[in-house]
C-alpha atoms as a PDB file:
ATOM      1  CA  MET A   1       0.000   0.000   0.000  1.00  0.00           C
ATOM      2  CA  ASN A   2       1.223   3.530  -0.802  1.00  0.00           C
ATOM      3  CA  ASN A   3       2.125   5.792   2.130  1.00  0.00           C
ATOM      4  CA  MET A   4       0.755   9.306   2.273  1.00  0.00           C
ATOM      5  CA  LYS A   5       1.853  12.283   4.377  1.00  0.00           C
ATOM      6  CA  LEU A   6      -0.370  14.690   6.223  1.00  0.00           C
ATOM      7  CA  LYS A   7       0.187  18.017   7.992  1.00  0.00           C
ATOM      8  CA  ILE A   8      -2.246  18.842  10.791  1.00  0.00           C
ATOM      9  CA  ILE A   9      -2.578  22.284  12.364  1.00  0.00           C
ATOM     10  CA  ILE A  10      -4.539  22.661  15.590  1.00  0.00           C
ATOM     11  CA  ASN A  11      -5.162  26.331  16.460  1.00  0.00           C
ATOM     12  CA  GLY A  12      -6.654  27.680  19.640  1.00  0.00           C
ATOM     13  CA  SER A  13      -6.356  29.939  22.639  1.00  0.00           C
ATOM     14  CA  ASN A  14      -5.149  27.041  24.810  1.00  0.00           C
ATOM     15  CA  VAL A  15      -3.503  24.120  23.012  1.00  0.00           C
ATOM     16  CA  HIS A  16      -0.058  24.346  24.686  1.00  0.00           C
ATOM     17  CA  GLY A  17       0.657  22.807  28.072  1.00  0.00           C
ATOM     18  CA  VAL A  18      -2.449  20.610  28.081  1.00  0.00           C
ATOM     19  CA  GLY A  19      -0.890  17.365  26.830  1.00  0.00           C
ATOM     20  CA  TYR A  20      -1.804  17.637  23.150  1.00  0.00           C
ATOM     21  CA  ARG A  21       1.561  16.453  21.831  1.00  0.00           C
ATOM     22  CA  VAL A  22       1.717  13.430  24.128  1.00  0.00           C
ATOM     23  CA  MET A  23      -1.894  12.530  23.285  1.00  0.00           C
ATOM     24  CA  LEU A  24      -1.120  12.636  19.552  1.00  0.00           C
ATOM     25  CA  VAL A  25       2.113  10.639  19.916  1.00  0.00           C
ATOM     26  CA  ASN A  26       0.248   7.972  21.893  1.00  0.00           C
ATOM     27  CA  LYS A  27      -2.427   7.696  19.192  1.00  0.00           C
ATOM     28  CA  ALA A  28       0.233   7.456  16.471  1.00  0.00           C
ATOM     29  CA  LEU A  29       1.921   4.663  18.429  1.00  0.00           C
ATOM     30  CA  THR A  30      -1.349   2.728  18.768  1.00  0.00           C
ATOM     31  CA  LEU A  31      -1.796   2.971  14.993  1.00  0.00           C
ATOM     32  CA  GLY A  32       1.705   1.630  14.342  1.00  0.00           C
ATOM     33  CA  ILE A  33       2.965   4.872  12.817  1.00  0.00           C
ATOM     34  CA  ASN A  34       6.726   4.900  12.214  1.00  0.00           C
ATOM     35  CA  ASN A  35       7.154   8.477  10.971  1.00  0.00           C
ATOM     36  CA  PHE A  36       5.577  11.217  13.084  1.00  0.00           C
ATOM     37  CA  ASN A  37       6.451  14.659  14.394  1.00  0.00           C
ATOM     38  CA  VAL A  38       4.594  17.168  16.555  1.00  0.00           C
ATOM     39  CA  PHE A  39       5.527  20.526  18.049  1.00  0.00           C
ATOM     40  CA  ASN A  40       4.048  23.643  19.631  1.00  0.00           C
ATOM     41  CA  THR A  41       4.337  27.020  17.929  1.00  0.00           C
ATOM     42  CA  LEU A  42       2.554  30.348  17.550  1.00  0.00           C
ATOM     43  CA  LEU A  43       0.519  31.039  14.438  1.00  0.00           C
ATOM     44  CA  GLU A  44      -1.136  34.391  13.762  1.00  0.00           C
ATOM     45  CA  GLY A  45      -0.945  35.295  17.462  1.00  0.00           C
ATOM     46  CA  ASN A  46      -2.591  32.068  18.633  1.00  0.00           C
ATOM     47  CA  GLN A  47      -1.168  28.897  20.060  1.00  0.00           C
ATOM     48  CA  ALA A  48      -0.848  26.098  17.523  1.00  0.00           C
ATOM     49  CA  VAL A  49       0.162  22.456  17.469  1.00  0.00           C
ATOM     50  CA  PHE A  50       1.658  21.181  14.211  1.00  0.00           C
ATOM     51  CA  ALA A  51       1.647  17.426  13.600  1.00  0.00           C
ATOM     52  CA  PHE A  52       3.094  15.523  10.647  1.00  0.00           C
ATOM     53  CA  ILE A  53       2.162  11.903  10.034  1.00  0.00           C
ATOM     54  CA  GLU A  54       2.995   9.318   7.395  1.00  0.00           C
ATOM     55  CA  GLY A  55       0.976   6.186   6.753  1.00  0.00           C
ATOM     56  CA  ASP A  56      -1.493   4.525   4.463  1.00  0.00           C
ATOM     57  CA  GLU A  57      -4.795   6.228   3.677  1.00  0.00           C
ATOM     58  CA  GLU A  58      -6.830   4.144   6.137  1.00  0.00           C
ATOM     59  CA  VAL A  59      -4.513   4.953   9.060  1.00  0.00           C
ATOM     60  CA  LEU A  60      -4.451   8.652   8.183  1.00  0.00           C
ATOM     61  CA  GLU A  61      -8.254   8.748   8.066  1.00  0.00           C
ATOM     62  CA  GLU A  62      -8.440   7.097  11.494  1.00  0.00           C
ATOM     63  CA  PHE A  63      -5.930   9.618  12.862  1.00  0.00           C
ATOM     64  CA  LYS A  64      -7.910  12.528  11.361  1.00  0.00           C
ATOM     65  CA  ASP A  65     -11.117  11.223  12.972  1.00  0.00           C
ATOM     66  CA  TYR A  66      -9.296  10.988  16.304  1.00  0.00           C
ATOM     67  CA  VAL A  67      -7.968  14.564  16.046  1.00  0.00           C
ATOM     68  CA  ASN A  68     -11.450  15.852  15.167  1.00  0.00           C
ATOM     69  CA  THR A  69     -13.072  13.945  18.049  1.00  0.00           C
ATOM     70  CA  PHE A  70     -10.721  14.056  21.036  1.00  0.00           C
ATOM     71  CA  ARG A  71      -9.043  16.902  22.901  1.00  0.00           C
ATOM     72  CA  PRO A  72      -7.020  16.958  26.104  1.00  0.00           C
ATOM     73  CA  ASP A  73      -8.754  18.348  29.189  1.00  0.00           C
ATOM     74  CA  GLY A  74      -8.426  22.118  29.246  1.00  0.00           C
ATOM     75  CA  ALA A  75      -7.751  22.483  25.526  1.00  0.00           C
ATOM     76  CA  GLU A  76      -9.535  25.318  23.765  1.00  0.00           C
ATOM     77  CA  VAL A  77      -9.475  24.657  20.021  1.00  0.00           C
ATOM     78  CA  ASP A  78     -10.704  27.158  17.448  1.00  0.00           C
ATOM     79  CA  ARG A  79      -9.730  25.402  14.224  1.00  0.00           C
ATOM     80  CA  ILE A  80      -8.189  22.173  12.949  1.00  0.00           C
ATOM     81  CA  SER A  81      -6.874  21.918   9.408  1.00  0.00           C
ATOM     82  CA  PHE A  82      -5.435  19.069   7.372  1.00  0.00           C
ATOM     83  CA  GLU A  83      -3.314  19.280   4.246  1.00  0.00           C
ATOM     84  CA  ASP A  84      -1.138  17.019   2.169  1.00  0.00           C
ATOM     85  CA  TYR A  85       2.552  17.224   3.025  1.00  0.00           C
ATOM     86  CA  GLY A  86       5.517  16.557   0.753  1.00  0.00           C
ATOM     87  CA  ASN A  87       8.624  16.748   2.929  1.00  0.00           C
ATOM     88  CA  ALA A  88      10.369  14.090   5.008  1.00  0.00           C
ATOM     89  CA  ILE A  89       8.906  13.158   8.392  1.00  0.00           C
ATOM     90  CA  PRO A  90      11.354  11.871  11.028  1.00  0.00           C
ATOM     91  CA  PRO A  91      11.003   8.600  12.941  1.00  0.00           C
ATOM     92  CA  ILE A  92       8.516   8.860  15.808  1.00  0.00           C
ATOM     93  CA  GLU A  93      11.252   8.064  18.342  1.00  0.00           C
ATOM     94  CA  ARG A  94      12.841  11.457  17.649  1.00  0.00           C
ATOM     95  CA  VAL A  95       9.784  13.412  18.801  1.00  0.00           C
ATOM     96  CA  MET A  96       9.356  11.084  21.788  1.00  0.00           C
ATOM     97  CA  LEU A  97      12.928  11.848  22.890  1.00  0.00           C
ATOM     98  CA  ALA A  98      12.427  15.583  22.346  1.00  0.00           C
ATOM     99  CA  ILE A  99       9.308  15.590  24.542  1.00  0.00           C
ATOM    100  CA  GLN A 100      11.150  13.572  27.187  1.00  0.00           C
ATOM    101  CA  MET A 101      14.095  16.003  27.180  1.00  0.00           C
ATOM    102  CA  GLU A 102      11.739  18.969  27.391  1.00  0.00           C
ATOM    103  CA  GLN A 103      10.041  17.427  30.418  1.00  0.00           C
ATOM    104  CA  CYS A 104      13.403  16.767  32.098  1.00  0.00           C
ATOM    105  CA  CYS A 105      14.368  20.418  31.590  1.00  0.00           C
ATOM    106  CA  ARG A 106      11.143  21.450  33.343  1.00  0.00           C
ATOM    107  CA  ASP A 107      11.534  18.921  36.148  1.00  0.00           C
ATOM    108  CA  ILE A 108      15.184  19.505  37.090  1.00  0.00           C
ATOM    109  CA  PRO A 109      14.695  23.011  38.602  1.00  0.00           C
ATOM    110  CA  ILE A 110      11.694  21.743  40.579  1.00  0.00           C
ATOM    111  CA  ILE A 111      13.656  18.768  41.920  1.00  0.00           C
ATOM    112  CA  LEU A 112      16.618  20.971  42.845  1.00  0.00           C
ATOM    113  CA  LYS A 113      14.311  23.381  44.703  1.00  0.00           C
ATOM    114  CA  MET A 114      12.729  20.450  46.570  1.00  0.00           C
ATOM    115  CA  LEU A 115      16.186  19.169  47.560  1.00  0.00           C
ATOM    116  CA  GLU A 116      17.232  22.644  48.669  1.00  0.00           C
ATOM    117  CA  ASN A 117      14.113  22.943  50.832  1.00  0.00           C
ATOM    118  CA  GLN A 118      14.674  19.460  52.224  1.00  0.00           C
ATOM    119  CA  ASP A 119      18.244  20.359  53.266  1.00  0.00           C
ATOM    120  CA  VAL A 120      17.009  23.510  55.027  1.00  0.00           C
ATOM    121  CA  ALA A 121      14.347  21.513  56.894  1.00  0.00           C
ATOM    122  CA  LYS A 122      16.991  19.143  58.288  1.00  0.00           C
ATOM    123  CA  ILE A 123      18.946  21.975  59.987  1.00  0.00           C
END
């Protein structure tokens, strides 16, 4: 079967920091997608999530239905658009590692502050 590529843009006043990227990665994994990317950005002054997916037509249709049906708690979506995409899409593991590294960068200062407070409490 011939693989197709799709670009998805999710626009809204609150689509960052609500778990959209992780939700989309998890769905791509359940569909057996090998090539997938997702990132947060700003578009025309609004928050946006861009996703890129490669797969056969049936899988892409199922993914589109999922994106149109489900949203993370707290997400405020104004518009979702889909368009054909012609460029390369990296392996899904790359975006999974990027999300993991981003989370570590957020967690480290919190952990260090907790340790600092714990040391003060022992004195």
